[in-house]
Amino acid sequence: MLRDKKAVDRSMNFIEIPFQSAHYDQACQLRNKILRQPLGLDLREEDLSAEVDYFHFGILEGERVIACVLVVPVSAVKAKVRQMAVASEFQNQGLGKKLLINMEDYLKQRGFQLLELDARISAVGFYQKLGYEVEGDEFLSVSIPHQKMKKSLSSEED
């Protein structure tokens, strides 16, 4: 169902999601549905206890998480973006871009200077449009091809 983009933008809010909150549970369900189940995997079978130390972000429509992403702090200045998911009915409407831009701003304000991620090959172009650069060779992860990518959040090169 396509929605009026201006109406969609007004009704959606970027948030930091507290670990083990109701929004966190919704984000896990979304990650499972979009990223794991199509591969025959189940997020509920994974140990998520380390996620207490991650940043969790989402976009809400009302109180419903419709897009989410995890960020793992690697050091005081570097972080790894993981498991970005957008609900099927909201894909291709700019929510992934909105989520990443807001997440990048949040992290930059907290002193992070470099982001890295492992993109599914099908998403490499999306990340490149947002300033991420390919690094190294393609590799397999969770049985599908991925590409390492990085982006500097600082104005100077690292």
Protein backbone atom coordinates (compact mmCIF):
# COMPACT_ATOMS: atom_id res chain seq x y z
CA MET A 1 0.00 0.00 0.00
CA LEU A 2 1.58 3.27 -1.08
CA ARG A 3 1.11 6.20 1.21
CA ASP A 4 1.33 9.94 0.75
CA LYS A 5 5.04 10.57 1.37
CA LYS A 6 4.49 13.93 3.13
CA ALA A 7 1.92 12.38 5.46
CA VAL A 8 4.31 9.47 6.11
CA ASP A 9 7.20 11.81 7.00
CA ARG A 10 5.10 13.86 9.45
CA SER A 11 3.84 10.82 11.35
CA MET A 12 7.20 9.08 11.80
CA ASN A 13 9.74 9.62 14.54
CA PHE A 14 13.39 8.56 14.86
CA ILE A 15 14.19 7.19 18.32
CA GLU A 16 16.92 5.49 20.27
CA ILE A 17 15.40 2.19 21.40
CA PRO A 18 16.15 1.05 24.97
CA PHE A 19 17.40 -2.55 25.26
CA GLN A 20 14.67 -5.01 26.26
CA SER A 21 11.91 -2.41 25.93
CA ALA A 22 8.63 -2.99 24.07
CA HIS A 23 10.14 -1.15 21.08
CA TYR A 24 13.23 -3.42 21.29
CA ASP A 25 10.95 -6.48 21.13
CA GLN A 26 9.23 -5.02 18.06
CA ALA A 27 12.61 -4.29 16.44
CA CYS A 28 13.72 -7.89 17.07
CA GLN A 29 10.53 -9.17 15.46
CA LEU A 30 11.13 -6.91 12.46
CA ARG A 31 14.78 -7.99 12.14
CA ASN A 32 13.67 -11.63 12.33
CA LYS A 33 10.93 -11.23 9.70
CA ILE A 34 12.97 -9.20 7.20
CA LEU A 35 16.53 -10.47 7.69
CA ARG A 36 16.50 -13.93 9.27
CA GLN A 37 13.37 -15.87 8.32
CA PRO A 38 13.92 -15.52 4.53
CA LEU A 39 17.26 -17.32 5.08
CA GLY A 40 15.71 -20.09 7.18
CA LEU A 41 17.18 -18.60 10.36
CA ASP A 42 15.47 -17.47 13.56
CA LEU A 43 16.72 -14.53 15.62
CA ARG A 44 15.02 -16.02 18.70
CA GLU A 45 17.56 -18.86 18.58
CA GLU A 46 20.49 -16.45 18.85
CA ASP A 47 22.06 -15.16 22.06
CA LEU A 48 21.18 -11.46 22.09
CA SER A 49 22.62 -10.69 25.54
CA ALA A 50 25.57 -8.73 24.04
CA GLU A 51 23.05 -6.29 22.55
CA VAL A 52 22.83 -4.59 25.95
CA ASP A 53 26.02 -2.75 24.91
CA TYR A 54 24.77 -1.75 21.42
CA PHE A 55 22.92 1.33 20.24
CA HIS A 56 19.45 0.51 18.93
CA PHE A 57 17.61 2.95 16.68
CA GLY A 58 14.26 2.91 15.01
CA ILE A 59 11.61 4.82 13.19
CA LEU A 60 8.15 4.67 14.66
CA GLU A 61 4.78 5.10 13.04
CA GLY A 62 2.71 5.86 16.11
CA GLU A 63 4.09 3.30 18.56
CA ARG A 64 4.99 0.70 15.90
CA VAL A 65 8.64 0.13 14.95
CA ILE A 66 8.68 0.18 11.14
CA ALA A 67 12.46 0.47 10.63
CA CYS A 68 15.41 -0.38 12.84
CA VAL A 69 19.17 -0.69 12.95
CA LEU A 70 21.83 -1.75 15.49
CA VAL A 71 25.18 -0.07 16.03
CA VAL A 72 28.03 -1.86 17.79
CA PRO A 73 30.67 0.43 19.33
CA VAL A 74 34.07 -0.91 18.25
CA SER A 75 36.12 1.86 19.89
CA ALA A 76 35.55 5.40 21.14
CA VAL A 77 35.55 6.65 17.53
CA LYS A 78 34.52 3.64 15.41
CA ALA A 79 31.25 1.70 15.23
CA LYS A 80 29.78 -1.11 13.14
CA VAL A 81 26.28 -0.81 11.68
CA ARG A 82 24.33 -4.10 11.74
CA GLN A 83 20.96 -5.59 10.90
CA MET A 84 19.11 -2.70 9.32
CA ALA A 85 15.52 -3.61 8.48
CA VAL A 86 12.50 -1.75 7.11
CA ALA A 87 9.02 -3.28 7.24
CA SER A 88 8.02 -4.59 3.79
CA GLU A 89 5.11 -2.18 3.32
CA PHE A 90 7.41 0.81 4.02
CA GLN A 91 10.35 -0.16 1.79
CA ASN A 92 11.36 2.11 -1.10
CA GLN A 93 9.89 5.20 0.60
CA GLY A 94 13.10 6.73 1.95
CA LEU A 95 12.88 5.34 5.48
CA GLY A 96 16.20 3.50 5.31
CA LYS A 97 17.90 6.73 4.26
CA LYS A 98 16.11 8.69 7.02
CA LEU A 99 17.11 6.06 9.60
CA LEU A 100 20.79 6.10 8.58
CA ILE A 101 21.08 9.89 8.39
CA ASN A 102 19.56 10.30 11.85
CA MET A 103 21.73 7.49 13.24
CA GLU A 104 24.87 9.05 11.76
CA ASP A 105 24.02 12.45 13.26
CA TYR A 106 23.42 10.85 16.67
CA LEU A 107 26.75 9.00 16.57
CA LYS A 108 28.70 12.00 15.25
CA GLN A 109 27.42 14.09 18.18
CA ARG A 110 28.84 11.42 20.50
CA GLY A 111 32.31 11.53 18.97
CA PHE A 112 32.17 8.63 16.52
CA GLN A 113 34.22 9.30 13.39
CA LEU A 114 34.09 6.09 11.37
CA LEU A 115 31.30 3.66 10.54
CA GLU A 116 31.74 0.25 9.01
CA LEU A 117 29.21 -2.33 7.90
CA ASP A 118 28.82 -5.59 6.03
CA ALA A 119 26.24 -4.90 3.31
CA ARG A 120 24.31 -7.53 1.47
CA ILE A 121 25.37 -7.24 -2.18
CA SER A 122 21.81 -6.21 -3.06
CA ALA A 123 22.17 -3.17 -0.75
CA VAL A 124 25.65 -1.93 -1.78
CA GLY A 125 24.23 0.70 -4.16
CA PHE A 126 21.92 2.04 -1.44
CA TYR A 127 24.85 2.56 0.93
CA GLN A 128 27.07 4.04 -1.79
CA LYS A 129 24.43 6.73 -2.46
CA LEU A 130 24.75 7.67 1.22
CA GLY A 131 28.54 8.01 1.08
CA TYR A 132 29.71 4.54 2.13
CA GLU A 133 32.71 3.15 0.26
CA VAL A 134 33.41 -0.46 -0.70
CA GLU A 135 36.39 -2.01 1.07
CA GLY A 136 38.00 -5.36 0.26
CA ASP A 137 36.49 -8.35 -1.51
CA GLU A 138 33.00 -9.80 -1.49
CA PHE A 139 32.44 -12.56 1.11
CA LEU A 140 29.71 -14.90 2.34
CA SER A 141 27.86 -14.25 5.58
CA VAL A 142 24.66 -16.00 6.71
CA SER A 143 24.89 -17.90 3.39
CA ILE A 144 24.62 -14.81 1.12
CA PRO A 145 27.20 -12.49 -0.54
CA HIS A 146 28.21 -9.39 1.43
CA GLN A 147 30.61 -6.48 0.96
CA LYS A 148 32.53 -4.59 3.64
CA MET A 149 31.86 -0.84 3.49
CA LYS A 150 32.94 2.19 5.50
CA LYS A 151 32.10 5.87 5.91
CA SER A 152 33.93 8.68 7.65
CA LEU A 153 31.76 10.90 9.83
CA SER A 154 34.52 13.43 10.36
CA SER A 155 35.39 16.19 7.92
CA GLU A 156 39.01 15.05 7.79
CA GLU A 157 40.21 11.69 6.50
CA ASP A 158 41.17 9.16 9.16
